Amino acid sequence: MELLSGGERSAGQIAEVVAAEFGISQPTASGHLRVLRENGFATVRSEGTRRLYAVEPAPLQEVDQWLDGFRQFWSGPLDALATELARGKRRGSKRSRSSPSNSSDEGDSQ
């Protein structure tokens, strides 16, 4: 689905990327594409000898609408996590700016 979100792709292109990233064979990738197509998540059209796949957005929009009722359970915690990550980055950048640039004196015992 992620590959198709960027636009239409041939079955060969998809199989090539999936094989390189996940070690999945071409027949297995074709099987996954068939499942997506048969369940309405992807469309396919022929162009010469190539089969071109694309995302079918309607079922994904239905899932998104269904998830709306549950977003309350993760939106707040994810917003809080984003805030804490931002605070951590600010603290880290403040520490690196206030640290001496030459720390060769540390640990010296003469």
C-alpha atoms as a PDB file:
ATOM      1  CA  MET A   1       0.000   0.000   0.000  1.00  0.00           C
ATOM      2  CA  GLU A   2       2.840   2.377   0.836  1.00  0.00           C
ATOM      3  CA  LEU A   3       4.384   1.879  -2.596  1.00  0.00           C
ATOM      4  CA  LEU A   4       1.061   2.554  -4.262  1.00  0.00           C
ATOM      5  CA  SER A   5       0.411   5.699  -2.239  1.00  0.00           C
ATOM      6  CA  GLY A   6       2.948   7.475  -4.451  1.00  0.00           C
ATOM      7  CA  GLY A   7       0.953   6.674  -7.569  1.00  0.00           C
ATOM      8  CA  GLU A   8       0.385   3.894 -10.017  1.00  0.00           C
ATOM      9  CA  ARG A   9       3.097   1.210 -10.265  1.00  0.00           C
ATOM     10  CA  SER A  10       3.583  -1.883 -12.334  1.00  0.00           C
ATOM     11  CA  ALA A  11       3.463  -5.309 -10.725  1.00  0.00           C
ATOM     12  CA  GLY A  12       7.113  -5.757 -11.727  1.00  0.00           C
ATOM     13  CA  GLN A  13       8.195  -2.548  -9.988  1.00  0.00           C
ATOM     14  CA  ILE A  14       6.332  -3.523  -6.837  1.00  0.00           C
ATOM     15  CA  ALA A  15       7.765  -7.044  -6.832  1.00  0.00           C
ATOM     16  CA  GLU A  16      11.290  -5.672  -7.321  1.00  0.00           C
ATOM     17  CA  VAL A  17      11.064  -3.248  -4.383  1.00  0.00           C
ATOM     18  CA  VAL A  18       9.375  -5.769  -2.092  1.00  0.00           C
ATOM     19  CA  ALA A  19      11.979  -8.429  -2.945  1.00  0.00           C
ATOM     20  CA  ALA A  20      14.842  -6.023  -2.195  1.00  0.00           C
ATOM     21  CA  GLU A  21      13.376  -4.733   1.071  1.00  0.00           C
ATOM     22  CA  PHE A  22      11.714  -7.839   2.501  1.00  0.00           C
ATOM     23  CA  GLY A  23      13.085 -10.807   0.573  1.00  0.00           C
ATOM     24  CA  ILE A  24       9.623 -11.673  -0.744  1.00  0.00           C
ATOM     25  CA  SER A  25       9.484 -13.567  -4.035  1.00  0.00           C
ATOM     26  CA  GLN A  26       7.641 -12.295  -7.103  1.00  0.00           C
ATOM     27  CA  PRO A  27       4.869 -14.910  -6.815  1.00  0.00           C
ATOM     28  CA  THR A  28       4.319 -13.989  -3.157  1.00  0.00           C
ATOM     29  CA  ALA A  29       4.219 -10.258  -4.011  1.00  0.00           C
ATOM     30  CA  SER A  30       1.696 -11.036  -6.768  1.00  0.00           C
ATOM     31  CA  GLY A  31      -0.414 -12.906  -4.234  1.00  0.00           C
ATOM     32  CA  HIS A  32      -0.431  -9.891  -1.929  1.00  0.00           C
ATOM     33  CA  LEU A  33      -1.440  -7.630  -4.828  1.00  0.00           C
ATOM     34  CA  ARG A  34      -4.266 -10.040  -5.674  1.00  0.00           C
ATOM     35  CA  VAL A  35      -5.533  -9.881  -2.055  1.00  0.00           C
ATOM     36  CA  LEU A  36      -5.468  -6.069  -2.149  1.00  0.00           C
ATOM     37  CA  ARG A  37      -7.322  -6.058  -5.462  1.00  0.00           C
ATOM     38  CA  GLU A  38      -9.909  -8.676  -4.471  1.00  0.00           C
ATOM     39  CA  ASN A  39     -10.669  -6.816  -1.250  1.00  0.00           C
ATOM     40  CA  GLY A  40     -11.083  -3.454  -2.950  1.00  0.00           C
ATOM     41  CA  PHE A  41      -7.934  -1.725  -1.672  1.00  0.00           C
ATOM     42  CA  ALA A  42      -6.214  -1.577  -5.070  1.00  0.00           C
ATOM     43  CA  THR A  43      -7.214  -1.311  -8.694  1.00  0.00           C
ATOM     44  CA  VAL A  44      -5.403  -2.835 -11.650  1.00  0.00           C
ATOM     45  CA  ARG A  45      -5.394  -2.052 -15.330  1.00  0.00           C
ATOM     46  CA  SER A  46      -3.498  -3.558 -18.218  1.00  0.00           C
ATOM     47  CA  GLU A  47      -1.166  -1.574 -20.404  1.00  0.00           C
ATOM     48  CA  GLY A  48       0.283  -3.869 -23.029  1.00  0.00           C
ATOM     49  CA  THR A  49       1.840  -6.739 -21.115  1.00  0.00           C
ATOM     50  CA  ARG A  50       2.119  -4.764 -17.868  1.00  0.00           C
ATOM     51  CA  ARG A  51      -0.367  -4.721 -15.020  1.00  0.00           C
ATOM     52  CA  LEU A  52      -0.535  -1.327 -13.329  1.00  0.00           C
ATOM     53  CA  TYR A  53      -1.750  -1.118  -9.735  1.00  0.00           C
ATOM     54  CA  ALA A  54      -3.086   1.911  -7.865  1.00  0.00           C
ATOM     55  CA  VAL A  55      -4.641   2.581  -4.461  1.00  0.00           C
ATOM     56  CA  GLU A  56      -8.419   2.538  -4.284  1.00  0.00           C
ATOM     57  CA  PRO A  57      -9.073   5.304  -1.724  1.00  0.00           C
ATOM     58  CA  ALA A  58     -12.737   4.571  -0.854  1.00  0.00           C
ATOM     59  CA  PRO A  59     -12.122   1.635   1.540  1.00  0.00           C
ATOM     60  CA  LEU A  60      -9.319   3.540   3.248  1.00  0.00           C
ATOM     61  CA  GLN A  61     -11.629   6.507   3.740  1.00  0.00           C
ATOM     62  CA  GLU A  62     -14.162   4.165   5.339  1.00  0.00           C
ATOM     63  CA  VAL A  63     -11.504   2.859   7.728  1.00  0.00           C
ATOM     64  CA  ASP A  64     -10.468   6.428   8.540  1.00  0.00           C
ATOM     65  CA  GLN A  65     -14.066   7.356   9.362  1.00  0.00           C
ATOM     66  CA  TRP A  66     -14.429   4.282  11.570  1.00  0.00           C
ATOM     67  CA  LEU A  67     -11.191   5.149  13.397  1.00  0.00           C
ATOM     68  CA  ASP A  68     -12.496   8.652  14.195  1.00  0.00           C
ATOM     69  CA  GLY A  69     -14.359   7.178  17.150  1.00  0.00           C
ATOM     70  CA  PHE A  70     -11.104   5.837  18.586  1.00  0.00           C
ATOM     71  CA  ARG A  71      -8.663   8.700  17.919  1.00  0.00           C
ATOM     72  CA  GLN A  72      -9.412  10.155  21.344  1.00  0.00           C
ATOM     73  CA  PHE A  73      -7.551   7.210  22.875  1.00  0.00           C
ATOM     74  CA  TRP A  74      -4.245   8.009  21.195  1.00  0.00           C
ATOM     75  CA  SER A  75      -4.371  11.655  20.107  1.00  0.00           C
ATOM     76  CA  GLY A  76      -3.785  13.087  23.591  1.00  0.00           C
ATOM     77  CA  PRO A  77      -0.966  10.688  24.504  1.00  0.00           C
ATOM     78  CA  LEU A  78       0.718  11.200  21.124  1.00  0.00           C
ATOM     79  CA  ASP A  79       0.487  14.984  21.498  1.00  0.00           C
ATOM     80  CA  ALA A  80       2.036  14.671  24.980  1.00  0.00           C
ATOM     81  CA  LEU A  81       4.810  12.478  23.567  1.00  0.00           C
ATOM     82  CA  ALA A  82       5.522  15.041  20.834  1.00  0.00           C
ATOM     83  CA  THR A  83       5.742  17.762  23.493  1.00  0.00           C
ATOM     84  CA  GLU A  84       8.178  15.724  25.603  1.00  0.00           C
ATOM     85  CA  LEU A  85      10.328  14.916  22.587  1.00  0.00           C
ATOM     86  CA  ALA A  86      10.480  18.601  21.681  1.00  0.00           C
ATOM     87  CA  ARG A  87      11.448  19.473  25.270  1.00  0.00           C
ATOM     88  CA  GLY A  88      14.172  16.842  25.204  1.00  0.00           C
ATOM     89  CA  LYS A  89      15.573  18.241  21.968  1.00  0.00           C
ATOM     90  CA  ARG A  90      15.596  21.760  23.406  1.00  0.00           C
ATOM     91  CA  ARG A  91      17.351  20.548  26.563  1.00  0.00           C
ATOM     92  CA  GLY A  92      19.899  18.659  24.477  1.00  0.00           C
ATOM     93  CA  SER A  93      20.658  21.669  22.293  1.00  0.00           C
ATOM     94  CA  LYS A  94      20.983  23.929  25.360  1.00  0.00           C
ATOM     95  CA  ARG A  95      23.444  21.493  26.951  1.00  0.00           C
ATOM     96  CA  SER A  96      25.551  21.246  23.817  1.00  0.00           C
ATOM     97  CA  ARG A  97      25.711  25.050  23.535  1.00  0.00           C
ATOM     98  CA  SER A  98      26.652  25.511  27.189  1.00  0.00           C
ATOM     99  CA  SER A  99      29.268  22.740  27.202  1.00  0.00           C
ATOM    100  CA  PRO A 100      32.876  23.838  26.778  1.00  0.00           C
ATOM    101  CA  SER A 101      34.078  23.141  23.282  1.00  0.00           C
ATOM    102  CA  ASN A 102      37.444  21.944  24.516  1.00  0.00           C
ATOM    103  CA  SER A 103      37.073  19.259  27.152  1.00  0.00           C
ATOM    104  CA  SER A 104      40.643  17.991  27.090  1.00  0.00           C
ATOM    105  CA  ASP A 105      41.175  19.169  30.699  1.00  0.00           C
ATOM    106  CA  GLU A 106      38.631  16.665  31.998  1.00  0.00           C
ATOM    107  CA  GLY A 107      40.172  13.579  33.503  1.00  0.00           C
ATOM    108  CA  ASP A 108      43.740  14.911  33.405  1.00  0.00           C
ATOM    109  CA  SER A 109      45.698  14.013  36.539  1.00  0.00           C
ATOM    110  CA  GLN A 110      49.189  15.422  36.717  1.00  0.00           C
END
